[in-house]
């Protein structure tokens, strides 16, 4: 039996599964955010990219496709400072 051991930086979150169980979900640190890729149906403008890199968030809401429902919803987009992962939350303002 082969065993591998390595170290990496990551943030761990708990994920609630449909069957009621809970699993750990790792969010591995990226060297830099992947701003050239589409995020939930949205392509970042050059201004968006500059704001995310400078301030850690976009100052306006953007229309993102909810991966669970497929519906578009206004959302606030920001970067996780530890992992460089792009994150979003639905906006309360429509």
PDB file of N, CA and C in Angstrom:
ATOM      1  N   UNK A   1       0.836  -1.175   0.000  1.00  0.00           N
ATOM      2  CA  UNK A   1       0.000   0.000   0.000  1.00  0.00           C
ATOM      3  C   UNK A   1       0.884   1.242   0.000  1.00  0.00           C
ATOM      4  N   UNK A   2       0.664   2.133  -0.945  1.00  0.00           N
ATOM      5  CA  UNK A   2       1.424   3.372  -1.037  1.00  0.00           C
ATOM      6  C   UNK A   2       0.725   4.468  -0.250  1.00  0.00           C
ATOM      7  N   UNK A   3       1.499   5.280   0.424  1.00  0.00           N
ATOM      8  CA  UNK A   3       0.961   6.403   1.171  1.00  0.00           C
ATOM      9  C   UNK A   3       1.643   7.670   0.689  1.00  0.00           C
ATOM     10  N   UNK A   4       0.841   8.697   0.457  1.00  0.00           N
ATOM     11  CA  UNK A   4       1.364   9.977   0.024  1.00  0.00           C
ATOM     12  C   UNK A   4       0.991  11.025   1.052  1.00  0.00           C
ATOM     13  N   UNK A   5       1.901  11.922   1.321  1.00  0.00           N
ATOM     14  CA  UNK A   5       1.662  12.992   2.273  1.00  0.00           C
ATOM     15  C   UNK A   5       2.145  14.292   1.640  1.00  0.00           C
ATOM     16  N   UNK A   6       1.328  15.320   1.711  1.00  0.00           N
ATOM     17  CA  UNK A   6       1.737  16.624   1.213  1.00  0.00           C
ATOM     18  C   UNK A   6       1.018  17.705   2.003  1.00  0.00           C
ATOM     19  N   UNK A   7       1.595  18.905   1.994  1.00  0.00           N
ATOM     20  CA  UNK A   7       1.002  20.027   2.699  1.00  0.00           C
ATOM     21  C   UNK A   7       0.481  21.029   1.692  1.00  0.00           C
ATOM     22  N   UNK A   8      -0.639  21.648   2.040  1.00  0.00           N
ATOM     23  CA  UNK A   8      -1.181  22.715   1.214  1.00  0.00           C
ATOM     24  C   UNK A   8      -1.992  23.639   2.091  1.00  0.00           C
ATOM     25  N   UNK A   9      -2.178  24.852   1.608  1.00  0.00           N
ATOM     26  CA  UNK A   9      -3.002  25.807   2.324  1.00  0.00           C
ATOM     27  C   UNK A   9      -4.412  25.717   1.776  1.00  0.00           C
ATOM     28  N   UNK A  10      -5.375  25.671   2.691  1.00  0.00           N
ATOM     29  CA  UNK A  10      -6.764  25.564   2.272  1.00  0.00           C
ATOM     30  C   UNK A  10      -7.672  26.051   3.393  1.00  0.00           C
ATOM     31  N   UNK A  11      -8.875  26.389   3.024  1.00  0.00           N
ATOM     32  CA  UNK A  11      -9.929  26.704   3.979  1.00  0.00           C
ATOM     33  C   UNK A  11     -10.890  25.522   3.914  1.00  0.00           C
ATOM     34  N   UNK A  12     -11.350  25.060   5.059  1.00  0.00           N
ATOM     35  CA  UNK A  12     -12.290  23.943   5.102  1.00  0.00           C
ATOM     36  C   UNK A  12     -13.670  24.459   5.505  1.00  0.00           C
ATOM     37  N   UNK A  13     -14.685  23.983   4.795  1.00  0.00           N
ATOM     38  CA  UNK A  13     -16.059  24.306   5.166  1.00  0.00           C
ATOM     39  C   UNK A  13     -16.838  23.008   5.321  1.00  0.00           C
ATOM     40  N   UNK A  14     -17.880  23.069   6.121  1.00  0.00           N
ATOM     41  CA  UNK A  14     -18.757  21.918   6.291  1.00  0.00           C
ATOM     42  C   UNK A  14     -19.851  21.974   5.241  1.00  0.00           C
ATOM     43  N   UNK A  15     -20.117  20.842   4.605  1.00  0.00           N
ATOM     44  CA  UNK A  15     -21.154  20.762   3.576  1.00  0.00           C
ATOM     45  C   UNK A  15     -22.247  19.823   4.080  1.00  0.00           C
ATOM     46  N   UNK A  16     -23.481  20.322   4.069  1.00  0.00           N
ATOM     47  CA  UNK A  16     -24.626  19.500   4.454  1.00  0.00           C
ATOM     48  C   UNK A  16     -25.128  18.750   3.229  1.00  0.00           C
ATOM     49  N   UNK A  17     -25.178  17.453   3.299  1.00  0.00           N
ATOM     50  CA  UNK A  17     -25.605  16.606   2.191  1.00  0.00           C
ATOM     51  C   UNK A  17     -27.103  16.328   2.283  1.00  0.00           C
ATOM     52  N   UNK A  18     -27.735  16.021   1.145  1.00  0.00           N
ATOM     53  CA  UNK A  18     -29.178  15.740   1.138  1.00  0.00           C
ATOM     54  C   UNK A  18     -29.599  14.621   2.092  1.00  0.00           C
ATOM     55  N   UNK A  19     -28.697  13.664   2.345  1.00  0.00           N
ATOM     56  CA  UNK A  19     -29.047  12.550   3.240  1.00  0.00           C
ATOM     57  C   UNK A  19     -28.886  12.906   4.720  1.00  0.00           C
ATOM     58  N   UNK A  20     -28.524  14.164   5.005  1.00  0.00           N
ATOM     59  CA  UNK A  20     -28.368  14.608   6.383  1.00  0.00           C
ATOM     60  C   UNK A  20     -26.961  14.515   6.920  1.00  0.00           C
ATOM     61  N   UNK A  21     -26.070  13.862   6.194  1.00  0.00           N
ATOM     62  CA  UNK A  21     -24.683  13.759   6.647  1.00  0.00           C
ATOM     63  C   UNK A  21     -23.939  15.073   6.368  1.00  0.00           C
ATOM     64  N   UNK A  22     -22.795  15.202   6.996  1.00  0.00           N
ATOM     65  CA  UNK A  22     -21.961  16.386   6.829  1.00  0.00           C
ATOM     66  C   UNK A  22     -20.574  15.932   6.396  1.00  0.00           C
ATOM     67  N   UNK A  23     -20.022  16.609   5.393  1.00  0.00           N
ATOM     68  CA  UNK A  23     -18.668  16.311   4.932  1.00  0.00           C
ATOM     69  C   UNK A  23     -17.848  17.596   4.917  1.00  0.00           C
ATOM     70  N   UNK A  24     -16.541  17.451   4.940  1.00  0.00           N
ATOM     71  CA  UNK A  24     -15.650  18.598   4.818  1.00  0.00           C
ATOM     72  C   UNK A  24     -15.388  18.881   3.352  1.00  0.00           C
ATOM     73  N   UNK A  25     -15.423  20.147   3.002  1.00  0.00           N
ATOM     74  CA  UNK A  25     -15.164  20.555   1.631  1.00  0.00           C
ATOM     75  C   UNK A  25     -13.944  21.480   1.631  1.00  0.00           C
ATOM     76  N   UNK A  26     -12.831  21.059   1.009  1.00  0.00           N
ATOM     77  CA  UNK A  26     -11.642  21.909   0.997  1.00  0.00           C
ATOM     78  C   UNK A  26     -11.711  22.971  -0.111  1.00  0.00           C
ATOM     79  N   UNK A  27     -11.208  24.145   0.204  1.00  0.00           N
ATOM     80  CA  UNK A  27     -11.081  25.237  -0.765  1.00  0.00           C
ATOM     81  C   UNK A  27      -9.592  25.551  -0.819  1.00  0.00           C
ATOM     82  N   UNK A  28      -8.917  24.961  -1.776  1.00  0.00           N
ATOM     83  CA  UNK A  28      -7.455  25.029  -1.866  1.00  0.00           C
ATOM     84  C   UNK A  28      -7.018  26.406  -2.361  1.00  0.00           C
ATOM     85  N   UNK A  29      -5.986  26.932  -1.742  1.00  0.00           N
ATOM     86  CA  UNK A  29      -5.467  28.249  -2.094  1.00  0.00           C
ATOM     87  C   UNK A  29      -4.949  28.244  -3.524  1.00  0.00           C
ATOM     88  N   UNK A  30      -5.383  29.249  -4.284  1.00  0.00           N
ATOM     89  CA  UNK A  30      -4.916  29.442  -5.658  1.00  0.00           C
ATOM     90  C   UNK A  30      -3.844  30.534  -5.640  1.00  0.00           C
ATOM     91  N   UNK A  31      -2.887  30.436  -6.530  1.00  0.00           N
ATOM     92  CA  UNK A  31      -1.829  31.434  -6.599  1.00  0.00           C
ATOM     93  C   UNK A  31      -2.433  32.800  -6.902  1.00  0.00           C
ATOM     94  N   UNK A  32      -3.387  32.820  -7.825  1.00  0.00           N
ATOM     95  CA  UNK A  32      -4.089  34.064  -8.149  1.00  0.00           C
ATOM     96  C   UNK A  32      -5.512  33.727  -8.559  1.00  0.00           C
ATOM     97  N   UNK A  33      -6.430  34.689  -8.416  1.00  0.00           N
ATOM     98  CA  UNK A  33      -7.824  34.422  -8.794  1.00  0.00           C
ATOM     99  C   UNK A  33      -7.956  34.201 -10.299  1.00  0.00           C
ATOM    100  N   UNK A  34      -8.899  33.370 -10.679  1.00  0.00           N
ATOM    101  CA  UNK A  34      -9.113  33.044 -12.090  1.00  0.00           C
ATOM    102  C   UNK A  34     -10.183  33.967 -12.673  1.00  0.00           C
ATOM    103  N   UNK A  35      -9.789  35.210 -12.914  1.00  0.00           N
ATOM    104  CA  UNK A  35     -10.733  36.239 -13.346  1.00  0.00           C
ATOM    105  C   UNK A  35     -11.010  36.224 -14.843  1.00  0.00           C
ATOM    106  N   UNK A  36     -10.238  35.458 -15.604  1.00  0.00           N
ATOM    107  CA  UNK A  36     -10.479  35.383 -17.044  1.00  0.00           C
ATOM    108  C   UNK A  36     -11.502  34.315 -17.406  1.00  0.00           C
ATOM    109  N   UNK A  37     -11.927  33.534 -16.421  1.00  0.00           N
ATOM    110  CA  UNK A  37     -12.944  32.507 -16.655  1.00  0.00           C
ATOM    111  C   UNK A  37     -14.317  33.052 -16.303  1.00  0.00           C
ATOM    112  N   UNK A  38     -15.338  32.526 -16.961  1.00  0.00           N
ATOM    113  CA  UNK A  38     -16.710  32.900 -16.644  1.00  0.00           C
ATOM    114  C   UNK A  38     -17.068  32.349 -15.269  1.00  0.00           C
ATOM    115  N   UNK A  39     -17.737  33.175 -14.464  1.00  0.00           N
ATOM    116  CA  UNK A  39     -18.157  32.767 -13.130  1.00  0.00           C
ATOM    117  C   UNK A  39     -19.684  32.781 -13.074  1.00  0.00           C
ATOM    118  N   UNK A  40     -20.277  31.610 -12.959  1.00  0.00           N
ATOM    119  CA  UNK A  40     -21.746  31.461 -12.898  1.00  0.00           C
ATOM    120  C   UNK A  40     -22.445  32.287 -13.977  1.00  0.00           C
ATOM    121  N   UNK A  41     -21.923  32.187 -15.200  1.00  0.00           N
ATOM    122  CA  UNK A  41     -22.539  32.847 -16.344  1.00  0.00           C
ATOM    123  C   UNK A  41     -22.142  34.295 -16.531  1.00  0.00           C
ATOM    124  N   UNK A  42     -21.219  34.796 -15.742  1.00  0.00           N
ATOM    125  CA  UNK A  42     -20.816  36.206 -15.830  1.00  0.00           C
ATOM    126  C   UNK A  42     -19.347  36.303 -16.212  1.00  0.00           C
ATOM    127  N   UNK A  43     -19.050  37.173 -17.178  1.00  0.00           N
ATOM    128  CA  UNK A  43     -17.661  37.447 -17.575  1.00  0.00           C
ATOM    129  C   UNK A  43     -17.256  38.780 -16.972  1.00  0.00           C
ATOM    130  N   UNK A  44     -16.155  38.796 -16.245  1.00  0.00           N
ATOM    131  CA  UNK A  44     -15.701  40.008 -15.584  1.00  0.00           C
ATOM    132  C   UNK A  44     -15.164  41.010 -16.587  1.00  0.00           C
ATOM    133  N   UNK A  45     -15.552  42.276 -16.418  1.00  0.00           N
ATOM    134  CA  UNK A  45     -14.999  43.352 -17.236  1.00  0.00           C
ATOM    135  C   UNK A  45     -13.621  43.696 -16.689  1.00  0.00           C
ATOM    136  N   UNK A  46     -12.877  44.483 -17.420  1.00  0.00           N
ATOM    137  CA  UNK A  46     -11.560  44.925 -16.938  1.00  0.00           C
ATOM    138  C   UNK A  46     -11.720  45.742 -15.654  1.00  0.00           C
ATOM    139  N   UNK A  47     -12.792  46.531 -15.566  1.00  0.00           N
ATOM    140  CA  UNK A  47     -13.056  47.318 -14.356  1.00  0.00           C
ATOM    141  C   UNK A  47     -13.367  46.398 -13.175  1.00  0.00           C
ATOM    142  N   UNK A  48     -14.169  45.356 -13.413  1.00  0.00           N
ATOM    143  CA  UNK A  48     -14.474  44.376 -12.357  1.00  0.00           C
ATOM    144  C   UNK A  48     -13.196  43.738 -11.833  1.00  0.00           C
ATOM    145  N   UNK A  49     -12.331  43.314 -12.751  1.00  0.00           N
ATOM    146  CA  UNK A  49     -11.077  42.653 -12.368  1.00  0.00           C
ATOM    147  C   UNK A  49     -10.220  43.587 -11.517  1.00  0.00           C
ATOM    148  N   UNK A  50     -10.134  44.849 -11.932  1.00  0.00           N
ATOM    149  CA  UNK A  50      -9.331  45.818 -11.190  1.00  0.00           C
ATOM    150  C   UNK A  50      -9.887  46.019  -9.782  1.00  0.00           C
ATOM    151  N   UNK A  51     -11.211  46.119  -9.662  1.00  0.00           N
ATOM    152  CA  UNK A  51     -11.834  46.285  -8.341  1.00  0.00           C
ATOM    153  C   UNK A  51     -11.602  45.066  -7.455  1.00  0.00           C
ATOM    154  N   UNK A  52     -11.773  43.879  -8.009  1.00  0.00           N
ATOM    155  CA  UNK A  52     -11.565  42.662  -7.224  1.00  0.00           C
ATOM    156  C   UNK A  52     -10.134  42.575  -6.712  1.00  0.00           C
ATOM    157  N   UNK A  53      -9.176  42.895  -7.563  1.00  0.00           N
ATOM    158  CA  UNK A  53      -7.768  42.809  -7.155  1.00  0.00           C
ATOM    159  C   UNK A  53      -7.401  43.907  -6.163  1.00  0.00           C
ATOM    160  N   UNK A  54      -7.967  45.092  -6.332  1.00  0.00           N
ATOM    161  CA  UNK A  54      -7.623  46.215  -5.451  1.00  0.00           C
ATOM    162  C   UNK A  54      -8.409  46.170  -4.137  1.00  0.00           C
ATOM    163  N   UNK A  55      -9.731  46.015  -4.241  1.00  0.00           N
ATOM    164  CA  UNK A  55     -10.609  46.146  -3.074  1.00  0.00           C
ATOM    165  C   UNK A  55     -11.132  44.819  -2.540  1.00  0.00           C
ATOM    166  N   UNK A  56     -11.019  43.747  -3.332  1.00  0.00           N
ATOM    167  CA  UNK A  56     -11.523  42.446  -2.900  1.00  0.00           C
ATOM    168  C   UNK A  56     -12.988  42.221  -3.202  1.00  0.00           C
ATOM    169  N   UNK A  57     -13.649  43.193  -3.845  1.00  0.00           N
ATOM    170  CA  UNK A  57     -15.069  43.052  -4.174  1.00  0.00           C
ATOM    171  C   UNK A  57     -15.419  43.966  -5.340  1.00  0.00           C
ATOM    172  N   UNK A  58     -16.513  43.636  -6.017  1.00  0.00           N
ATOM    173  CA  UNK A  58     -17.047  44.495  -7.077  1.00  0.00           C
ATOM    174  C   UNK A  58     -18.059  45.424  -6.412  1.00  0.00           C
ATOM    175  N   UNK A  59     -18.019  46.708  -6.744  1.00  0.00           N
ATOM    176  CA  UNK A  59     -18.847  47.711  -6.068  1.00  0.00           C
ATOM    177  C   UNK A  59     -20.300  47.730  -6.519  1.00  0.00           C
ATOM    178  N   UNK A  60     -20.641  46.921  -7.511  1.00  0.00           N
ATOM    179  CA  UNK A  60     -22.025  46.873  -7.989  1.00  0.00           C
ATOM    180  C   UNK A  60     -22.475  45.418  -8.042  1.00  0.00           C
ATOM    181  N   UNK A  61     -23.784  45.203  -8.075  1.00  0.00           N
ATOM    182  CA  UNK A  61     -24.283  43.834  -8.197  1.00  0.00           C
ATOM    183  C   UNK A  61     -24.156  43.374  -9.641  1.00  0.00           C
ATOM    184  N   UNK A  62     -24.015  42.071  -9.815  1.00  0.00           N
ATOM    185  CA  UNK A  62     -23.951  41.477 -11.154  1.00  0.00           C
ATOM    186  C   UNK A  62     -24.980  40.355 -11.232  1.00  0.00           C
ATOM    187  N   UNK A  63     -25.441  40.050 -12.432  1.00  0.00           N
ATOM    188  CA  UNK A  63     -26.408  38.982 -12.650  1.00  0.00           C
ATOM    189  C   UNK A  63     -25.664  37.656 -12.797  1.00  0.00           C
ATOM    190  N   UNK A  64     -25.845  36.767 -11.816  1.00  0.00           N
ATOM    191  CA  UNK A  64     -25.229  35.450 -11.862  1.00  0.00           C
ATOM    192  C   UNK A  64     -26.300  34.385 -12.021  1.00  0.00           C
ATOM    193  N   UNK A  65     -25.940  33.290 -12.667  1.00  0.00           N
ATOM    194  CA  UNK A  65     -26.843  32.155 -12.795  1.00  0.00           C
ATOM    195  C   UNK A  65     -26.681  31.292 -11.540  1.00  0.00           C
ATOM    196  N   UNK A  66     -27.768  31.077 -10.834  1.00  0.00           N
ATOM    197  CA  UNK A  66     -27.754  30.210  -9.659  1.00  0.00           C
ATOM    198  C   UNK A  66     -27.558  28.779 -10.143  1.00  0.00           C
ATOM    199  N   UNK A  67     -26.456  28.103  -9.732  1.00  0.00           N
ATOM    200  CA  UNK A  67     -26.187  26.756 -10.254  1.00  0.00           C
ATOM    201  C   UNK A  67     -27.240  25.720  -9.841  1.00  0.00           C
ATOM    202  N   UNK A  68     -27.969  25.974  -8.773  1.00  0.00           N
ATOM    203  CA  UNK A  68     -28.987  25.014  -8.323  1.00  0.00           C
ATOM    204  C   UNK A  68     -30.308  25.180  -9.065  1.00  0.00           C
ATOM    205  N   UNK A  69     -30.688  26.439  -9.350  1.00  0.00           N
ATOM    206  CA  UNK A  69     -31.992  26.692  -9.967  1.00  0.00           C
ATOM    207  C   UNK A  69     -31.904  27.045 -11.445  1.00  0.00           C
ATOM    208  N   UNK A  70     -30.727  27.508 -11.893  1.00  0.00           N
ATOM    209  CA  UNK A  70     -30.562  27.943 -13.277  1.00  0.00           C
ATOM    210  C   UNK A  70     -31.113  29.340 -13.527  1.00  0.00           C
ATOM    211  N   UNK A  71     -31.637  29.978 -12.488  1.00  0.00           N
ATOM    212  CA  UNK A  71     -32.203  31.321 -12.630  1.00  0.00           C
ATOM    213  C   UNK A  71     -31.137  32.376 -12.376  1.00  0.00           C
ATOM    214  N   UNK A  72     -31.287  33.520 -13.066  1.00  0.00           N
ATOM    215  CA  UNK A  72     -30.378  34.636 -12.846  1.00  0.00           C
ATOM    216  C   UNK A  72     -30.817  35.391 -11.597  1.00  0.00           C
ATOM    217  N   UNK A  73     -29.820  35.825 -10.815  1.00  0.00           N
ATOM    218  CA  UNK A  73     -30.124  36.613  -9.629  1.00  0.00           C
ATOM    219  C   UNK A  73     -29.032  37.650  -9.398  1.00  0.00           C
ATOM    220  N   UNK A  74     -29.434  38.857  -8.989  1.00  0.00           N
ATOM    221  CA  UNK A  74     -28.427  39.871  -8.686  1.00  0.00           C
ATOM    222  C   UNK A  74     -27.592  39.418  -7.491  1.00  0.00           C
ATOM    223  N   UNK A  75     -26.282  39.564  -7.611  1.00  0.00           N
ATOM    224  CA  UNK A  75     -25.383  39.052  -6.587  1.00  0.00           C
ATOM    225  C   UNK A  75     -24.220  40.000  -6.342  1.00  0.00           C
ATOM    226  N   UNK A  76     -23.648  39.874  -5.158  1.00  0.00           N
ATOM    227  CA  UNK A  76     -22.445  40.606  -4.791  1.00  0.00           C
ATOM    228  C   UNK A  76     -21.279  39.622  -4.913  1.00  0.00           C
ATOM    229  N   UNK A  77     -20.234  40.033  -5.614  1.00  0.00           N
ATOM    230  CA  UNK A  77     -19.084  39.157  -5.876  1.00  0.00           C
ATOM    231  C   UNK A  77     -17.864  39.697  -5.133  1.00  0.00           C
ATOM    232  N   UNK A  78     -17.132  38.778  -4.487  1.00  0.00           N
ATOM    233  CA  UNK A  78     -15.912  39.163  -3.779  1.00  0.00           C
ATOM    234  C   UNK A  78     -14.902  38.028  -3.841  1.00  0.00           C
ATOM    235  N   UNK A  79     -13.688  38.320  -3.408  1.00  0.00           N
ATOM    236  CA  UNK A  79     -12.608  37.327  -3.377  1.00  0.00           C
ATOM    237  C   UNK A  79     -12.338  36.916  -1.941  1.00  0.00           C
ATOM    238  N   UNK A  80     -12.121  35.635  -1.729  1.00  0.00           N
ATOM    239  CA  UNK A  80     -11.664  35.147  -0.440  1.00  0.00           C
ATOM    240  C   UNK A  80     -10.179  35.491  -0.353  1.00  0.00           C
ATOM    241  N   UNK A  81      -9.797  36.271   0.645  1.00  0.00           N
ATOM    242  CA  UNK A  81      -8.410  36.739   0.758  1.00  0.00           C
ATOM    243  C   UNK A  81      -7.417  35.611   1.019  1.00  0.00           C
ATOM    244  N   UNK A  82      -7.852  34.536   1.650  1.00  0.00           N
ATOM    245  CA  UNK A  82      -6.952  33.418   1.937  1.00  0.00           C
ATOM    246  C   UNK A  82      -6.756  32.518   0.718  1.00  0.00           C
ATOM    247  N   UNK A  83      -7.841  32.214   0.012  1.00  0.00           N
ATOM    248  CA  UNK A  83      -7.768  31.212  -1.058  1.00  0.00           C
ATOM    249  C   UNK A  83      -7.740  31.787  -2.475  1.00  0.00           C
ATOM    250  N   UNK A  84      -8.022  33.095  -2.632  1.00  0.00           N
ATOM    251  CA  UNK A  84      -8.174  33.717  -3.950  1.00  0.00           C
ATOM    252  C   UNK A  84      -9.348  33.121  -4.724  1.00  0.00           C
ATOM    253  N   UNK A  85     -10.280  32.509  -4.026  1.00  0.00           N
ATOM    254  CA  UNK A  85     -11.466  31.927  -4.646  1.00  0.00           C
ATOM    255  C   UNK A  85     -12.514  33.024  -4.843  1.00  0.00           C
ATOM    256  N   UNK A  86     -13.178  32.999  -5.992  1.00  0.00           N
ATOM    257  CA  UNK A  86     -14.259  33.935  -6.259  1.00  0.00           C
ATOM    258  C   UNK A  86     -15.504  33.421  -5.549  1.00  0.00           C
ATOM    259  N   UNK A  87     -16.140  34.302  -4.780  1.00  0.00           N
ATOM    260  CA  UNK A  87     -17.337  33.940  -4.022  1.00  0.00           C
ATOM    261  C   UNK A  87     -18.441  34.955  -4.312  1.00  0.00           C
ATOM    262  N   UNK A  88     -19.673  34.554  -4.041  1.00  0.00           N
ATOM    263  CA  UNK A  88     -20.792  35.467  -4.246  1.00  0.00           C
ATOM    264  C   UNK A  88     -21.901  35.183  -3.254  1.00  0.00           C
ATOM    265  N   UNK A  89     -22.706  36.201  -3.021  1.00  0.00           N
ATOM    266  CA  UNK A  89     -23.916  36.053  -2.224  1.00  0.00           C
ATOM    267  C   UNK A  89     -25.033  36.781  -2.941  1.00  0.00           C
ATOM    268  N   UNK A  90     -26.259  36.268  -2.890  1.00  0.00           N
ATOM    269  CA  UNK A  90     -27.379  36.980  -3.520  1.00  0.00           C
ATOM    270  C   UNK A  90     -27.561  38.353  -2.881  1.00  0.00           C
ATOM    271  N   UNK A  91     -27.904  39.316  -3.702  1.00  0.00           N
ATOM    272  CA  UNK A  91     -28.125  40.679  -3.223  1.00  0.00           C
ATOM    273  C   UNK A  91     -29.556  40.803  -2.718  1.00  0.00           C
ATOM    274  N   UNK A  92     -29.738  41.578  -1.660  1.00  0.00           N
ATOM    275  CA  UNK A  92     -31.083  41.830  -1.150  1.00  0.00           C
ATOM    276  C   UNK A  92     -31.776  42.899  -1.965  1.00  0.00           C
ATOM    277  N   UNK A  93     -30.982  43.729  -2.647  1.00  0.00           N
ATOM    278  CA  UNK A  93     -31.567  44.788  -3.477  1.00  0.00           C
ATOM    279  C   UNK A  93     -31.784  44.259  -4.885  1.00  0.00           C
ATOM    280  N   UNK A  94     -32.931  44.519  -5.440  1.00  0.00           N
ATOM    281  CA  UNK A  94     -33.222  44.093  -6.825  1.00  0.00           C
ATOM    282  C   UNK A  94     -33.355  45.280  -7.694  1.00  0.00           C
TER     283      UNK A  94
END
